[in-house]
C-alpha atoms as a PDB file:
ATOM      1  CA  MET A   1     125.548 106.774  91.163  1.00  0.00           C
ATOM      2  CA  THR A   2     123.267 103.875  92.121  1.00  0.00           C
ATOM      3  CA  LYS A   3     120.149 103.836  89.939  1.00  0.00           C
ATOM      4  CA  LEU A   4     116.677 103.891  91.463  1.00  0.00           C
ATOM      5  CA  SER A   5     114.175 101.580  89.895  1.00  0.00           C
ATOM      6  CA  VAL A   6     110.509 102.035  91.326  1.00  0.00           C
ATOM      7  CA  ASN A   7     108.414  98.951  91.703  1.00  0.00           C
ATOM      8  CA  ILE A   8     104.829  99.960  90.718  1.00  0.00           C
ATOM      9  CA  ASN A   9     103.050  96.806  91.960  1.00  0.00           C
ATOM     10  CA  LYS A  10     101.283  98.776  94.728  1.00  0.00           C
ATOM     11  CA  ILE A  11      99.806 101.174  92.216  1.00  0.00           C
ATOM     12  CA  ALA A  12      98.227  98.173  90.412  1.00  0.00           C
ATOM     13  CA  THR A  13      97.099  96.829  93.726  1.00  0.00           C
ATOM     14  CA  LEU A  14      95.256 100.039  94.431  1.00  0.00           C
ATOM     15  CA  ARG A  15      93.652 100.070  90.952  1.00  0.00           C
ATOM     16  CA  ASN A  16      92.536  96.431  91.200  1.00  0.00           C
ATOM     17  CA  ALA A  17      90.843  97.069  94.564  1.00  0.00           C
ATOM     18  CA  ARG A  18      88.236  99.129  92.927  1.00  0.00           C
ATOM     19  CA  GLY A  19      88.398  98.060  89.272  1.00  0.00           C
ATOM     20  CA  GLY A  20      88.667 100.410  86.339  1.00  0.00           C
ATOM     21  CA  GLN A  21      91.827 102.343  85.591  1.00  0.00           C
ATOM     22  CA  VAL A  22      92.282 104.599  88.666  1.00  0.00           C
ATOM     23  CA  PRO A  23      95.094 105.064  89.428  1.00  0.00           C
ATOM     24  CA  ASN A  24      96.364 104.438  85.865  1.00  0.00           C
ATOM     25  CA  VAL A  25      99.362 102.137  86.051  1.00  0.00           C
ATOM     26  CA  VAL A  26     100.884 103.314  82.698  1.00  0.00           C
ATOM     27  CA  LYS A  27     100.394 107.031  83.477  1.00  0.00           C
ATOM     28  CA  THR A  28     101.853 106.654  86.967  1.00  0.00           C
ATOM     29  CA  ALA A  29     104.899 104.821  85.571  1.00  0.00           C
ATOM     30  CA  LEU A  30     105.520 107.655  83.004  1.00  0.00           C
ATOM     31  CA  ASP A  31     105.172 110.188  85.834  1.00  0.00           C
ATOM     32  CA  ILE A  32     107.680 108.342  87.928  1.00  0.00           C
ATOM     33  CA  GLU A  33     110.095 108.435  85.067  1.00  0.00           C
ATOM     34  CA  ARG A  34     109.451 112.102  84.586  1.00  0.00           C
ATOM     35  CA  PHE A  35     110.048 112.722  88.335  1.00  0.00           C
ATOM     36  CA  GLY A  36     113.595 111.375  87.940  1.00  0.00           C
ATOM     37  CA  ALA A  37     113.465 107.545  88.556  1.00  0.00           C
ATOM     38  CA  ASP A  38     116.018 105.530  86.533  1.00  0.00           C
ATOM     39  CA  GLY A  39     113.749 102.620  85.870  1.00  0.00           C
ATOM     40  CA  ILE A  40     110.455 100.869  86.385  1.00  0.00           C
ATOM     41  CA  THR A  41     110.087  97.452  88.045  1.00  0.00           C
ATOM     42  CA  VAL A  42     107.104  95.094  87.789  1.00  0.00           C
ATOM     43  CA  HIS A  43     106.526  91.710  89.326  1.00  0.00           C
ATOM     44  CA  PRO A  44     103.608  90.084  87.544  1.00  0.00           C
ATOM     45  CA  ARG A  45     102.364  86.948  89.399  1.00  0.00           C
ATOM     46  CA  PRO A  46     100.123  84.226  87.935  1.00  0.00           C
ATOM     47  CA  ASP A  47      97.019  85.373  89.763  1.00  0.00           C
ATOM     48  CA  GLU A  48      97.480  88.956  88.537  1.00  0.00           C
ATOM     49  CA  ARG A  49      96.645  90.299  91.966  1.00  0.00           C
ATOM     50  CA  HIS A  50      98.523  93.548  91.114  1.00  0.00           C
ATOM     51  CA  ILE A  51     100.413  93.867  87.820  1.00  0.00           C
ATOM     52  CA  ARG A  52      98.632  92.253  84.933  1.00  0.00           C
ATOM     53  CA  ARG A  53     100.205  90.795  81.812  1.00  0.00           C
ATOM     54  CA  THR A  54      98.403  93.471  79.842  1.00  0.00           C
ATOM     55  CA  ASP A  55     100.168  96.149  81.921  1.00  0.00           C
ATOM     56  CA  VAL A  56     103.557  94.615  80.948  1.00  0.00           C
ATOM     57  CA  TYR A  57     102.851  94.853  77.349  1.00  0.00           C
ATOM     58  CA  GLU A  58     101.395  98.373  77.584  1.00  0.00           C
ATOM     59  CA  LEU A  59     104.472  99.508  79.528  1.00  0.00           C
ATOM     60  CA  LYS A  60     106.853  97.977  76.925  1.00  0.00           C
ATOM     61  CA  ASP A  61     105.632 100.433  74.292  1.00  0.00           C
ATOM     62  CA  VAL A  62     106.004 103.692  76.286  1.00  0.00           C
ATOM     63  CA  LEU A  63     108.762 103.492  78.943  1.00  0.00           C
ATOM     64  CA  THR A  64     111.946 105.366  78.146  1.00  0.00           C
ATOM     65  CA  THR A  65     113.971 104.296  81.183  1.00  0.00           C
ATOM     66  CA  GLU A  66     115.115 100.831  82.149  1.00  0.00           C
ATOM     67  CA  PHE A  67     112.261  98.283  82.383  1.00  0.00           C
ATOM     68  CA  ASN A  68     112.904  95.478  84.912  1.00  0.00           C
ATOM     69  CA  ILE A  69     110.576  92.550  85.016  1.00  0.00           C
ATOM     70  CA  GLU A  70     110.699  90.258  88.116  1.00  0.00           C
ATOM     71  CA  GLY A  71     109.197  86.878  88.388  1.00  0.00           C
ATOM     72  CA  TYR A  72     109.395  83.053  88.682  1.00  0.00           C
ATOM     73  CA  PRO A  73     110.676  81.597  85.434  1.00  0.00           C
ATOM     74  CA  SER A  74     107.552  79.656  84.489  1.00  0.00           C
ATOM     75  CA  ASP A  75     107.054  78.902  80.730  1.00  0.00           C
ATOM     76  CA  GLU A  76     104.380  81.586  80.600  1.00  0.00           C
ATOM     77  CA  PHE A  77     106.634  84.185  82.298  1.00  0.00           C
ATOM     78  CA  LEU A  78     109.561  83.352  79.979  1.00  0.00           C
ATOM     79  CA  GLN A  79     107.370  83.632  76.886  1.00  0.00           C
ATOM     80  CA  MET A  80     106.173  87.103  78.031  1.00  0.00           C
ATOM     81  CA  VAL A  81     109.568  88.509  78.787  1.00  0.00           C
ATOM     82  CA  ILE A  82     111.030  87.263  75.536  1.00  0.00           C
ATOM     83  CA  GLU A  83     108.221  88.965  73.715  1.00  0.00           C
ATOM     84  CA  VAL A  84     108.591  92.185  75.710  1.00  0.00           C
ATOM     85  CA  LYS A  85     112.436  92.170  75.818  1.00  0.00           C
ATOM     86  CA  PRO A  86     113.019  94.418  78.884  1.00  0.00           C
ATOM     87  CA  ALA A  87     116.446  95.689  79.680  1.00  0.00           C
ATOM     88  CA  GLN A  88     116.535  93.310  82.693  1.00  0.00           C
ATOM     89  CA  VAL A  89     114.762  90.242  83.951  1.00  0.00           C
ATOM     90  CA  THR A  90     115.175  89.403  87.725  1.00  0.00           C
ATOM     91  CA  LEU A  91     114.452  85.829  88.374  1.00  0.00           C
ATOM     92  CA  VAL A  92     112.990  85.050  91.837  1.00  0.00           C
ATOM     93  CA  PRO A  93     112.128  81.659  93.387  1.00  0.00           C
ATOM     94  CA  ASP A  94     108.675  82.638  94.426  1.00  0.00           C
ATOM     95  CA  SER A  95     105.866  80.009  94.592  1.00  0.00           C
ATOM     96  CA  PRO A  96     102.569  81.393  93.242  1.00  0.00           C
ATOM     97  CA  HIS A  97     101.113  81.611  96.706  1.00  0.00           C
ATOM     98  CA  VAL A  98     103.624  83.784  98.655  1.00  0.00           C
ATOM     99  CA  LEU A  99     102.552  87.353  99.551  1.00  0.00           C
ATOM    100  CA  THR A 100     105.952  88.815  98.624  1.00  0.00           C
ATOM    101  CA  SER A 101     109.427  87.545  97.798  1.00  0.00           C
ATOM    102  CA  ASN A 102     110.835  85.840 100.912  1.00  0.00           C
ATOM    103  CA  ALA A 103     113.895  83.986  99.873  1.00  0.00           C
ATOM    104  CA  GLY A 104     116.729  83.995  97.428  1.00  0.00           C
ATOM    105  CA  TRP A 105     117.822  81.337  94.939  1.00  0.00           C
ATOM    106  CA  ASP A 106     119.741  78.340  95.999  1.00  0.00           C
ATOM    107  CA  THR A 107     121.840  78.578  92.808  1.00  0.00           C
ATOM    108  CA  VAL A 108     123.758  75.396  93.637  1.00  0.00           C
ATOM    109  CA  ALA A 109     120.705  73.243  94.120  1.00  0.00           C
ATOM    110  CA  HIS A 110     118.808  74.732  91.144  1.00  0.00           C
ATOM    111  CA  ALA A 111     121.719  75.042  88.804  1.00  0.00           C
ATOM    112  CA  SER A 112     120.400  72.613  86.259  1.00  0.00           C
ATOM    113  CA  MET A 113     117.079  74.457  86.067  1.00  0.00           C
ATOM    114  CA  LEU A 114     118.577  77.914  85.941  1.00  0.00           C
ATOM    115  CA  LYS A 115     121.368  77.438  83.413  1.00  0.00           C
ATOM    116  CA  PRO A 116     119.273  76.974  80.244  1.00  0.00           C
ATOM    117  CA  ILE A 117     116.873  79.770  81.319  1.00  0.00           C
ATOM    118  CA  ILE A 118     119.745  82.212  81.749  1.00  0.00           C
ATOM    119  CA  ASP A 119     121.284  81.061  78.469  1.00  0.00           C
ATOM    120  CA  ARG A 120     117.972  81.675  76.773  1.00  0.00           C
ATOM    121  CA  LEU A 121     117.542  85.081  78.132  1.00  0.00           C
ATOM    122  CA  ARG A 122     120.999  86.172  77.353  1.00  0.00           C
ATOM    123  CA  ALA A 123     120.614  84.873  73.795  1.00  0.00           C
ATOM    124  CA  GLU A 124     117.759  87.297  73.529  1.00  0.00           C
ATOM    125  CA  GLY A 125     119.891  90.224  74.676  1.00  0.00           C
ATOM    126  CA  ILE A 126     118.140  90.517  78.104  1.00  0.00           C
ATOM    127  CA  ARG A 127     120.320  91.175  81.079  1.00  0.00           C
ATOM    128  CA  THR A 128     119.592  88.537  83.744  1.00  0.00           C
ATOM    129  CA  SER A 129     119.686  89.049  87.489  1.00  0.00           C
ATOM    130  CA  LEU A 130     119.183  86.429  90.195  1.00  0.00           C
ATOM    131  CA  PHE A 131     117.468  87.331  93.507  1.00  0.00           C
ATOM    132  CA  ILE A 132     119.899  85.853  96.077  1.00  0.00           C
ATOM    133  CA  GLU A 133     120.930  86.001  99.764  1.00  0.00           C
ATOM    134  CA  THR A 134     124.306  86.866 101.286  1.00  0.00           C
ATOM    135  CA  ASP A 135     125.920  83.551 100.566  1.00  0.00           C
ATOM    136  CA  GLU A 136     129.275  83.562  98.702  1.00  0.00           C
ATOM    137  CA  GLN A 137     128.834  79.942  97.432  1.00  0.00           C
ATOM    138  CA  ARG A 138     125.504  80.826  95.863  1.00  0.00           C
ATOM    139  CA  ILE A 139     126.846  84.078  94.464  1.00  0.00           C
ATOM    140  CA  GLU A 140     129.832  82.313  92.825  1.00  0.00           C
ATOM    141  CA  ALA A 141     127.400  79.682  91.454  1.00  0.00           C
ATOM    142  CA  ALA A 142     125.290  82.576  89.935  1.00  0.00           C
ATOM    143  CA  ALA A 143     128.383  83.805  88.042  1.00  0.00           C
ATOM    144  CA  GLN A 144     129.120  80.319  86.849  1.00  0.00           C
ATOM    145  CA  LEU A 145     125.579  79.983  85.541  1.00  0.00           C
ATOM    146  CA  GLY A 146     126.012  83.034  83.360  1.00  0.00           C
ATOM    147  CA  ALA A 147     123.974  85.567  85.179  1.00  0.00           C
ATOM    148  CA  ASN A 148     124.883  89.153  84.598  1.00  0.00           C
ATOM    149  CA  ARG A 149     123.809  90.446  88.010  1.00  0.00           C
ATOM    150  CA  ILE A 150     122.532  89.432  91.336  1.00  0.00           C
ATOM    151  CA  GLU A 151     119.950  91.258  93.451  1.00  0.00           C
ATOM    152  CA  LEU A 152     120.799  91.079  97.090  1.00  0.00           C
ATOM    153  CA  TYR A 153     117.685  90.302  99.304  1.00  0.00           C
ATOM    154  CA  THR A 154     117.761  93.004 101.871  1.00  0.00           C
ATOM    155  CA  GLU A 155     115.090  92.051 104.383  1.00  0.00           C
ATOM    156  CA  ALA A 156     117.681  90.938 107.018  1.00  0.00           C
ATOM    157  CA  TYR A 157     119.440  94.230 106.558  1.00  0.00           C
ATOM    158  CA  ALA A 158     116.178  96.227 107.132  1.00  0.00           C
ATOM    159  CA  VAL A 159     115.286  94.156 110.292  1.00  0.00           C
ATOM    160  CA  LEU A 160     118.691  94.606 111.960  1.00  0.00           C
ATOM    161  CA  TYR A 161     119.290  98.220 110.797  1.00  0.00           C
ATOM    162  CA  PRO A 162     117.364  99.984 113.662  1.00  0.00           C
ATOM    163  CA  SER A 163     119.387  98.275 116.429  1.00  0.00           C
ATOM    164  CA  ASP A 164     122.869  97.706 114.826  1.00  0.00           C
ATOM    165  CA  LYS A 165     123.354  99.407 111.440  1.00  0.00           C
ATOM    166  CA  GLU A 166     127.021  98.506 111.142  1.00  0.00           C
ATOM    167  CA  GLN A 167     126.377  94.747 111.693  1.00  0.00           C
ATOM    168  CA  ALA A 168     123.355  94.944 109.494  1.00  0.00           C
ATOM    169  CA  VAL A 169     125.286  96.164 106.439  1.00  0.00           C
ATOM    170  CA  LYS A 170     128.491  94.081 107.063  1.00  0.00           C
ATOM    171  CA  ARG A 171     127.524  90.896 105.105  1.00  0.00           C
ATOM    172  CA  TYR A 172     125.992  92.861 102.265  1.00  0.00           C
ATOM    173  CA  ALA A 173     129.181  94.945 101.829  1.00  0.00           C
ATOM    174  CA  GLU A 174     131.288  91.756 101.849  1.00  0.00           C
ATOM    175  CA  CYS A 175     129.067  89.913  99.376  1.00  0.00           C
ATOM    176  CA  ALA A 176     128.756  92.909  96.949  1.00  0.00           C
ATOM    177  CA  ALA A 177     132.546  93.049  96.871  1.00  0.00           C
ATOM    178  CA  PHE A 178     132.833  89.281  96.255  1.00  0.00           C
ATOM    179  CA  ALA A 179     130.121  89.432  93.572  1.00  0.00           C
ATOM    180  CA  SER A 180     132.025  92.052  91.762  1.00  0.00           C
ATOM    181  CA  LYS A 181     135.221  90.010  91.929  1.00  0.00           C
ATOM    182  CA  CYS A 182     133.095  87.199  90.305  1.00  0.00           C
ATOM    183  CA  GLY A 183     132.212  89.516  87.424  1.00  0.00           C
ATOM    184  CA  LEU A 184     128.652  90.127  88.577  1.00  0.00           C
ATOM    185  CA  GLY A 185     126.810  93.437  88.833  1.00  0.00           C
ATOM    186  CA  VAL A 186     125.026  94.069  92.101  1.00  0.00           C
ATOM    187  CA  ASN A 187     121.406  95.191  92.598  1.00  0.00           C
ATOM    188  CA  ALA A 188     119.513  95.185  95.888  1.00  0.00           C
ATOM    189  CA  GLY A 189     115.965  95.221  97.049  1.00  0.00           C
ATOM    190  CA  HIS A 190     113.269  94.441  99.670  1.00  0.00           C
ATOM    191  CA  ASP A 191     112.346  96.660 102.556  1.00  0.00           C
ATOM    192  CA  LEU A 192     114.724  99.406 101.667  1.00  0.00           C
ATOM    193  CA  SER A 193     113.322 102.707 102.816  1.00  0.00           C
ATOM    194  CA  LEU A 194     114.064 106.396 103.418  1.00  0.00           C
ATOM    195  CA  ASP A 195     115.319 105.407 106.883  1.00  0.00           C
ATOM    196  CA  ASN A 196     117.842 102.722 105.806  1.00  0.00           C
ATOM    197  CA  LEU A 197     118.713 103.456 102.139  1.00  0.00           C
ATOM    198  CA  ALA A 198     121.497 105.935 102.467  1.00  0.00           C
ATOM    199  CA  TRP A 199     123.537 103.829 104.866  1.00  0.00           C
ATOM    200  CA  PHE A 200     123.192 100.827 102.646  1.00  0.00           C
ATOM    201  CA  ALA A 201     124.247 102.715  99.537  1.00  0.00           C
ATOM    202  CA  GLU A 202     127.227 104.294 101.304  1.00  0.00           C
ATOM    203  CA  ASN A 203     128.607 101.022 102.415  1.00  0.00           C
ATOM    204  CA  VAL A 204     127.703  98.447  99.789  1.00  0.00           C
ATOM    205  CA  LYS A 205     129.987  98.909  96.831  1.00  0.00           C
ATOM    206  CA  PRO A 206     129.566  98.410  93.976  1.00  0.00           C
ATOM    207  CA  LEU A 207     125.812  98.907  93.860  1.00  0.00           C
ATOM    208  CA  GLN A 208     124.364  99.310  90.417  1.00  0.00           C
ATOM    209  CA  GLU A 209     120.635  99.552  91.229  1.00  0.00           C
ATOM    210  CA  VAL A 210     118.020  99.359  93.988  1.00  0.00           C
ATOM    211  CA  SER A 211     114.431  98.407  93.402  1.00  0.00           C
ATOM    212  CA  ILE A 212     111.963  99.852  95.803  1.00  0.00           C
ATOM    213  CA  GLY A 213     108.190  99.722  95.733  1.00  0.00           C
ATOM    214  CA  HIS A 214     106.229  99.271  98.959  1.00  0.00           C
ATOM    215  CA  ALA A 215     108.068 101.860 101.108  1.00  0.00           C
ATOM    216  CA  LEU A 216     108.295 104.386  98.261  1.00  0.00           C
ATOM    217  CA  ILE A 217     104.644 104.212  97.374  1.00  0.00           C
ATOM    218  CA  SER A 218     103.659 104.300 101.007  1.00  0.00           C
ATOM    219  CA  ASP A 219     105.767 107.410 101.578  1.00  0.00           C
ATOM    220  CA  ALA A 220     104.197 109.039  98.537  1.00  0.00           C
ATOM    221  CA  LEU A 221     100.895 109.085 100.430  1.00  0.00           C
ATOM    222  CA  TYR A 222     102.435 111.648 102.772  1.00  0.00           C
ATOM    223  CA  TYR A 223     105.007 113.443 100.638  1.00  0.00           C
ATOM    224  CA  GLY A 224     103.590 113.187  97.215  1.00  0.00           C
ATOM    225  CA  LEU A 225     104.970 111.009  94.441  1.00  0.00           C
ATOM    226  CA  GLN A 226     107.229 113.557  92.810  1.00  0.00           C
ATOM    227  CA  ASN A 227     108.778 114.715  96.094  1.00  0.00           C
ATOM    228  CA  THR A 228     109.152 111.149  97.283  1.00  0.00           C
ATOM    229  CA  VAL A 229     111.109 110.014  94.182  1.00  0.00           C
ATOM    230  CA  ALA A 230     113.353 112.978  94.683  1.00  0.00           C
ATOM    231  CA  MET A 231     113.814 112.128  98.274  1.00  0.00           C
ATOM    232  CA  TYR A 232     114.919 108.582  97.468  1.00  0.00           C
ATOM    233  CA  LYS A 233     117.268 109.800  94.771  1.00  0.00           C
ATOM    234  CA  ARG A 234     118.952 112.112  97.273  1.00  0.00           C
ATOM    235  CA  LYS A 235     119.424 109.129  99.579  1.00  0.00           C
ATOM    236  CA  LEU A 236     121.461 107.503  96.711  1.00  0.00           C
ATOM    237  CA  GLY A 237     123.527 110.651  96.288  1.00  0.00           C
ATOM    238  CA  GLY A 238     121.569 112.171  93.458  1.00  0.00           C
ATOM    239  CA  GLY A 239     121.177 115.751  94.827  1.00  0.00           C
END
């Protein structure tokens, strides 16, 4: 079954809006694990507008499920993840100023930059995933660079899904199958929700993991966090 990793950035955003430790990021992450999630994702940014570096180190010591750290591979980011040694690092091509991830890697144009970074992470025993769009050339290049997985950027799927769900999922299904033939595991994330997740998971094979934050935390305002995690798990076939 596809694993659910919950991105807790929005929990940190809410905490930072008021200061203090309410809601408590670490406690919420542990609760999410207890409620059945298969992993926790964080995306610390240089301005620490949500997840802080101190959060990352505190989470390292207490999480029992898979820890996935996303981010742009700056020197500071790489130093942190090598010290923390999460199960997975997802490299994204974000500039420090973007509101949220809005593009995948051009693994052909950035091959010379990415190759030594991936080699370094793999030498540390950290599974490495590249945030990427539905482009076979870039997926093949990701495999040649030594990445373990790709994370398919699913905004285009989410936008088209309400009007044409079959066309929306077509390229993702094709690219997931192609990535698997290249020896890559396949993750996915961005704008996946209770409305569109089940169709995506049914049609995109193989699919090791989805990372979901904004929609899940927003749904939790209505349904409660424990119930919401269970609802997303069911969409993935987990009950």
